[in-house]
Protein backbone atom coordinates (compact mmCIF):
# COMPACT_ATOMS: atom_id res chain seq x y z
CA UNK A 1 -0.05 -0.02 -0.15
CA UNK A 2 2.74 2.13 0.93
CA UNK A 3 4.76 1.27 -2.26
CA UNK A 4 1.77 2.30 -4.42
CA UNK A 5 1.59 5.77 -2.69
CA UNK A 6 5.25 6.66 -3.30
CA UNK A 7 4.87 5.59 -6.90
CA UNK A 8 1.72 7.67 -7.35
CA UNK A 9 3.26 10.65 -5.70
CA UNK A 10 6.54 10.27 -7.99
CA UNK A 11 4.36 10.23 -11.32
CA UNK A 12 2.50 13.27 -10.23
CA UNK A 13 5.65 15.34 -9.89
CA UNK A 14 7.16 14.22 -13.27
CA UNK A 15 3.54 15.10 -14.78
CA UNK A 16 3.89 18.52 -13.07
CA UNK A 17 7.26 19.24 -14.17
CA UNK A 18 6.38 18.14 -17.71
CA UNK A 19 3.40 20.55 -17.80
CA UNK A 20 5.59 23.46 -16.50
CA UNK A 21 8.37 22.82 -19.14
CA UNK A 22 5.64 22.48 -21.91
CA UNK A 23 4.39 25.92 -20.84
CA UNK A 24 7.92 27.51 -20.87
CA UNK A 25 8.47 26.00 -24.34
CA UNK A 26 5.18 27.23 -25.54
CA UNK A 27 5.87 30.71 -24.17
CA UNK A 28 9.32 30.70 -25.82
CA UNK A 29 7.93 29.73 -29.07
CA UNK A 30 5.30 32.63 -28.82
CA UNK A 31 7.96 34.98 -28.03
CA UNK A 32 9.93 34.00 -30.90
CA UNK A 33 7.21 34.39 -33.17
CA UNK A 34 6.29 37.77 -31.87
CA UNK A 35 9.75 39.04 -32.37
CA UNK A 36 9.84 38.01 -36.09
CA UNK A 37 6.50 39.55 -36.53
CA UNK A 38 7.79 42.79 -35.22
CA UNK A 39 10.70 42.54 -37.28
CA UNK A 40 8.72 42.06 -40.35
CA UNK A 41 6.38 44.83 -39.70
CA UNK A 42 9.39 47.10 -39.26
CA UNK A 43 10.81 46.01 -42.57
CA UNK A 44 7.40 46.77 -44.10
CA UNK A 45 6.99 50.25 -42.27
CA UNK A 46 10.71 51.20 -43.58
CA UNK A 47 9.84 50.24 -47.02
CA UNK A 48 6.52 52.19 -46.74
CA UNK A 49 8.49 55.34 -45.69
CA UNK A 50 11.10 55.01 -48.59
CA UNK A 51 8.21 54.68 -51.12
CA UNK A 52 6.65 57.77 -49.45
CA UNK A 53 9.80 59.68 -49.54
CA UNK A 54 10.39 58.99 -53.36
CA UNK A 55 6.87 60.11 -53.97
CA UNK A 56 7.48 63.40 -51.95
CA UNK A 57 10.85 64.08 -54.13
CA UNK A 58 8.70 63.18 -57.29
CA UNK A 59 6.30 66.02 -56.56
CA UNK A 60 9.12 68.59 -55.69
CA UNK A 61 12.18 67.41 -57.91
CA UNK A 62 12.67 67.14 -61.63
CA UNK A 63 12.28 63.39 -62.77
CA UNK A 64 15.70 63.52 -64.19
CA UNK A 65 17.25 64.34 -60.96
CA UNK A 66 15.08 61.98 -58.89
CA UNK A 67 15.98 58.92 -61.15
CA UNK A 68 19.87 59.52 -60.26
CA UNK A 69 20.19 59.65 -56.36
CA UNK A 70 17.70 61.57 -54.52
CA UNK A 71 20.24 61.95 -51.50
CA UNK A 72 22.64 63.45 -53.95
CA UNK A 73 20.08 66.07 -55.03
CA UNK A 74 19.44 67.23 -51.73
CA UNK A 75 23.07 67.69 -51.14
CA UNK A 76 23.80 69.43 -54.38
CA UNK A 77 20.93 72.10 -53.55
CA UNK A 78 23.32 73.81 -50.94
CA UNK A 79 26.15 73.69 -53.20
CA UNK A 80 24.22 75.59 -56.01
CA UNK A 81 23.03 78.20 -53.58
CA UNK A 82 26.75 78.60 -52.23
CA UNK A 83 27.81 79.09 -55.86
CA UNK A 84 25.32 81.65 -56.51
CA UNK A 85 26.04 83.70 -53.50
CA UNK A 86 29.52 84.85 -54.68
CA UNK A 87 28.05 85.79 -57.88
CA UNK A 88 25.36 88.40 -56.35
CA UNK A 89 28.14 89.40 -54.08
CA UNK A 90 30.43 90.06 -57.15
CA UNK A 91 27.80 91.95 -58.85
CA UNK A 92 27.19 94.43 -56.02
CA UNK A 93 30.51 96.12 -56.38
CA UNK A 94 29.76 96.92 -59.98
CA UNK A 95 26.47 98.52 -58.92
CA UNK A 96 28.26 100.38 -56.30
CA UNK A 97 30.84 101.72 -58.77
CA UNK A 98 28.17 102.77 -61.10
CA UNK A 99 26.55 104.70 -58.41
CA UNK A 100 29.89 106.28 -57.41
CA UNK A 101 30.97 107.17 -61.07
CA UNK A 102 30.16 110.75 -60.67
CA UNK A 103 31.73 111.95 -57.74
CA UNK A 104 32.88 115.70 -57.13
CA UNK A 105 36.45 115.41 -58.39
CA UNK A 106 34.97 113.75 -61.60
CA UNK A 107 32.43 116.40 -62.16
CA UNK A 108 35.39 118.94 -61.63
CA UNK A 109 37.55 117.30 -64.23
CA UNK A 110 34.64 117.44 -66.72
CA UNK A 111 34.07 120.89 -66.18
CA UNK A 112 37.65 121.89 -66.54
CA UNK A 113 37.74 120.02 -69.92
CA UNK A 114 34.74 122.14 -71.01
CA UNK A 115 35.78 125.60 -69.84
CA UNK A 116 39.48 125.82 -68.98
CA UNK A 117 40.74 126.17 -72.59
CA UNK A 118 38.52 129.22 -73.09
CA UNK A 119 39.74 130.62 -69.85
CA UNK A 120 43.41 130.10 -70.64
CA UNK A 121 42.83 131.74 -74.11
CA UNK A 122 41.69 134.95 -72.27
CA UNK A 123 45.20 134.95 -70.48
CA UNK A 124 47.52 133.81 -73.27
CA UNK A 125 45.56 134.81 -76.17
CA UNK A 126 46.72 131.39 -77.55
CA UNK A 127 44.70 128.16 -78.15
CA UNK A 128 45.59 125.57 -75.26
CA UNK A 129 45.12 121.89 -75.71
CA UNK A 130 44.85 120.03 -72.45
CA UNK A 131 46.54 117.05 -71.61
CA UNK A 132 44.54 113.68 -70.83
CA UNK A 133 42.74 114.27 -67.45
CA UNK A 134 44.44 111.30 -65.94
CA UNK A 135 47.43 113.69 -65.54
CA UNK A 136 45.43 116.30 -63.67
CA UNK A 137 46.25 116.39 -60.07
CA UNK A 138 43.64 117.24 -57.12
CA UNK A 139 45.33 119.57 -54.69
CA UNK A 140 44.18 120.46 -50.91
CA UNK A 141 41.88 123.56 -50.30
CA UNK A 142 39.60 122.52 -53.66
CA UNK A 143 42.20 123.13 -56.19
CA UNK A 144 43.24 121.15 -59.27
CA UNK A 145 46.43 121.35 -61.30
CA UNK A 146 46.12 120.68 -64.89
CA UNK A 147 48.49 120.61 -67.76
CA UNK A 148 48.39 121.25 -71.50
CA UNK A 149 50.24 122.47 -74.67
CA UNK A 150 50.19 125.40 -76.93
CA UNK A 151 51.74 126.06 -80.26
CA UNK A 152 54.30 128.88 -80.39
CA UNK A 153 54.06 130.43 -83.87
CA UNK A 154 57.48 132.45 -83.36
CA UNK A 155 59.59 129.37 -82.72
CA UNK A 156 57.40 126.96 -84.62
CA UNK A 157 57.27 124.62 -81.66
CA UNK A 158 54.96 123.24 -79.13
CA UNK A 159 55.14 124.56 -75.57
CA UNK A 160 53.88 123.08 -72.31
CA UNK A 161 51.68 124.77 -69.68
CA UNK A 162 50.75 124.20 -66.21
CA UNK A 163 47.59 125.79 -64.29
CA UNK A 164 46.07 125.74 -60.95
CA UNK A 165 42.31 126.19 -60.87
CA UNK A 166 40.20 126.56 -57.78
CA UNK A 167 36.90 125.15 -57.77
CA UNK A 168 33.56 125.68 -55.82
CA UNK A 169 30.06 124.65 -55.60
CA UNK A 170 27.25 127.22 -56.24
CA UNK A 171 23.94 127.44 -54.75
CA UNK A 172 22.37 125.46 -57.72
CA UNK A 173 25.05 122.77 -57.64
CA UNK A 174 27.01 124.28 -60.40
CA UNK A 175 30.80 124.36 -60.54
CA UNK A 176 32.79 127.36 -60.62
CA UNK A 177 36.33 127.64 -61.67
CA UNK A 178 38.82 130.38 -60.64
CA UNK A 179 42.27 130.45 -62.26
CA UNK A 180 44.86 130.88 -59.49
CA UNK A 181 48.23 130.47 -61.05
CA UNK A 182 49.86 128.96 -64.15
CA UNK A 183 53.26 128.05 -65.11
CA UNK A 184 55.54 130.27 -67.73
CA UNK A 185 57.45 127.15 -68.67
CA UNK A 186 57.84 127.53 -72.72
CA UNK A 187 56.75 131.20 -72.64
CA UNK A 188 60.07 132.37 -73.36
CA UNK A 189 63.59 131.23 -74.07
CA UNK A 190 64.95 133.07 -71.01
CA UNK A 191 62.76 132.80 -68.02
CA UNK A 192 65.09 134.89 -65.91
CA UNK A 193 64.32 138.04 -67.87
CA UNK A 194 60.92 137.81 -66.21
CA UNK A 195 60.99 139.01 -62.61
CA UNK A 196 57.50 139.00 -61.87
CA UNK A 197 54.68 139.25 -64.27
CA UNK A 198 52.10 142.15 -63.82
CA UNK A 199 49.33 139.48 -64.24
CA UNK A 200 48.18 138.40 -60.85
CA UNK A 201 47.80 134.81 -62.04
CA UNK A 202 51.36 134.25 -63.05
CA UNK A 203 54.37 132.49 -61.36
CA UNK A 204 56.71 133.95 -58.73
CA UNK A 205 60.29 133.34 -58.06
CA UNK A 206 60.11 134.34 -54.48
CA UNK A 207 58.66 132.56 -51.48
CA UNK A 208 55.97 133.98 -49.45
CA UNK A 209 57.82 133.72 -46.04
CA UNK A 210 60.49 136.18 -44.95
CA UNK A 211 62.97 133.60 -44.04
CA UNK A 212 62.86 130.12 -45.55
CA UNK A 213 64.53 127.28 -44.00
CA UNK A 214 65.90 124.55 -46.24
CA UNK A 215 67.57 121.26 -45.13
CA UNK A 216 70.19 119.88 -47.49
CA UNK A 217 70.35 116.11 -46.77
CA UNK A 218 73.06 113.65 -47.13
CA UNK A 219 72.44 109.95 -47.37
CA UNK A 220 74.63 106.69 -47.48
CA UNK A 221 74.78 103.86 -49.96
CA UNK A 222 71.68 102.54 -48.50
CA UNK A 223 69.70 105.70 -48.81
CA UNK A 224 69.56 106.18 -45.08
CA UNK A 225 69.65 109.68 -44.06
CA UNK A 226 73.16 110.44 -42.41
CA UNK A 227 72.41 114.26 -41.65
CA UNK A 228 71.60 117.54 -42.96
CA UNK A 229 72.66 121.02 -43.12
CA UNK A 230 70.13 123.95 -42.56
CA UNK A 231 70.24 126.97 -44.55
CA UNK A 232 68.04 130.17 -43.89
CA UNK A 233 67.08 131.76 -47.44
CA UNK A 234 65.68 135.09 -47.96
CA UNK A 235 62.21 134.92 -49.23
CA UNK A 236 62.67 137.92 -51.53
CA UNK A 237 65.52 136.21 -53.48
CA UNK A 238 64.64 132.62 -52.82
CA UNK A 239 65.32 131.24 -56.12
CA UNK A 240 68.87 132.75 -56.40
CA UNK A 241 69.97 131.41 -53.05
CA UNK A 242 68.32 128.01 -53.48
CA UNK A 243 70.33 127.70 -56.69
CA UNK A 244 73.59 128.90 -54.62
CA UNK A 245 73.10 126.39 -51.76
CA UNK A 246 72.15 123.61 -53.83
CA UNK A 247 75.38 123.77 -55.79
CA UNK A 248 77.45 124.25 -52.52
CA UNK A 249 75.93 121.30 -50.42
CA UNK A 250 74.52 118.87 -53.20
CA UNK A 251 76.92 119.83 -56.27
CA UNK A 252 73.68 119.99 -58.42
CA UNK A 253 73.37 122.82 -61.13
CA UNK A 254 69.80 124.48 -60.92
CA UNK A 255 68.88 126.78 -63.89
CA UNK A 256 65.70 128.35 -62.23
CA UNK A 257 63.09 127.64 -59.68
CA UNK A 258 59.78 129.15 -59.42
CA UNK A 259 56.42 128.93 -57.52
CA UNK A 260 53.07 128.23 -59.22
CA UNK A 261 50.72 128.65 -56.13
CA UNK A 262 52.06 126.29 -53.55
CA UNK A 263 54.07 124.01 -55.95
CA UNK A 264 57.64 124.34 -56.35
CA UNK A 265 59.23 123.75 -59.85
CA UNK A 266 62.88 123.01 -59.89
CA UNK A 267 64.80 122.80 -63.32
CA UNK A 268 68.05 121.27 -63.25
CA UNK A 269 70.61 121.90 -65.98
CA UNK A 270 70.49 119.48 -69.02
CA UNK A 271 74.11 118.50 -68.23
CA UNK A 272 73.01 116.92 -65.04
CA UNK A 273 72.22 113.84 -66.86
CA UNK A 274 75.78 113.19 -67.59
CA UNK A 275 77.01 114.75 -64.29
CA UNK A 276 74.57 112.30 -62.13
CA UNK A 277 75.80 109.15 -64.12
CA UNK A 278 77.98 107.42 -61.77
CA UNK A 279 76.64 104.04 -61.25
CA UNK A 280 73.14 102.74 -59.78
CA UNK A 281 74.00 103.45 -56.30
CA UNK A 282 75.69 106.64 -56.81
CA UNK A 283 72.78 107.94 -58.98
CA UNK A 284 70.13 106.80 -56.33
CA UNK A 285 72.18 108.64 -53.56
CA UNK A 286 72.12 111.73 -55.52
CA UNK A 287 68.60 111.74 -56.62
CA UNK A 288 67.43 110.87 -52.89
CA UNK A 289 69.55 113.66 -51.57
CA UNK A 290 68.33 116.28 -54.09
CA UNK A 291 64.71 115.12 -53.50
CA UNK A 292 64.80 115.20 -49.77
CA UNK A 293 66.31 118.61 -50.01
CA UNK A 294 63.90 120.36 -52.27
CA UNK A 295 60.78 118.72 -50.67
CA UNK A 296 62.00 120.18 -47.13
CA UNK A 297 61.04 123.70 -48.70
CA UNK A 298 58.20 124.95 -46.26
CA UNK A 299 54.64 125.65 -47.31
CA UNK A 300 54.46 123.66 -50.63
CA UNK A 301 52.06 121.14 -51.60
CA UNK A 302 53.90 119.46 -54.37
CA UNK A 303 57.24 119.49 -55.91
CA UNK A 304 58.10 119.30 -59.77
CA UNK A 305 61.50 118.33 -61.02
CA UNK A 306 62.73 118.76 -64.47
CA UNK A 307 65.90 118.54 -66.28
CA UNK A 308 66.43 120.83 -69.29
CA UNK A 309 62.85 122.00 -68.95
CA UNK A 310 61.42 118.33 -69.58
CA UNK A 311 58.93 116.69 -67.25
CA UNK A 312 59.59 113.16 -65.79
CA UNK A 313 63.06 113.57 -66.94
CA UNK A 314 65.72 110.66 -67.03
CA UNK A 315 68.89 111.12 -65.33
CA UNK A 316 72.23 109.19 -65.08
CA UNK A 317 72.94 106.38 -67.25
CA UNK A 318 70.80 103.48 -65.91
CA UNK A 319 67.14 104.55 -67.12
CA UNK A 320 66.30 106.15 -63.64
CA UNK A 321 63.74 109.14 -63.85
CA UNK A 322 62.20 111.54 -61.51
CA UNK A 323 58.47 111.43 -61.17
CA UNK A 324 56.38 114.05 -62.84
CA UNK A 325 55.19 115.58 -59.67
CA UNK A 326 55.65 114.81 -55.85
CA UNK A 327 52.91 115.58 -53.45
CA UNK A 328 54.24 116.92 -50.21
CA UNK A 329 52.85 115.87 -46.88
CA UNK A 330 53.46 118.35 -44.29
């Protein structure tokens, strides 16, 4: 009787364990099937989203771009915008230039070209042909330096002319010109016979100051200033004394000097082309000393250096040349 009970209890335990394992196996199978089902649903959802994405692109992009690589099309859009932006920025300065094409100095130059020849004809009784407007120089205090040429019938040659006009703007925005000074270069073969013209617009050979301090510089082979000698010139005989001291300190021969307004003209002797020929370094030293010394004259706006009456003259034997005009900064 007892053996029967033991066997019955043992079979009951195994049956219970088997039922539990069966339930666990069934649960595992259900979980696996559920996972697979969710994965399949995710793939179908991704495919559906991709299809909707293509449909969306098809409604916004050309068909040719869509058939290639939709993602590349989206990446190329900002590149096209980046390429277009510089073009717009590049075109803006042109528009600014067109707006800035008519400033005051441009209007003054145009007005000078229109009326200056007639004003000069009233002074010289000669037809004056103005040079290119690119050669005109804007000076401080609303002034402009112009250059031109006129034909001398007596000698049968063309003479040069410089003149300074002062400009102003009237109440109706019109430009007015006033002739201040003009250069006598080419007016006669011997300037020194002209002490002072009776015309109030003409050049002068004296300085407006009673005493004029001029520095005569020295430089080394590296064009560094080594020192200077100060001379105090009389304003009444400025031209004569500048010629004298330049020969004493710089060994340069000046034919004549004169002022056109606040511009100092210095005309070297034509033999200076040969006398300054002493090698590249020597020519540079002599030119530097001469330029520094002449530009030290007080109260001038610009300096014009000529040789034998020629503008932008070459000197020495190595093709060096003085500039046409040097603007002086006080």
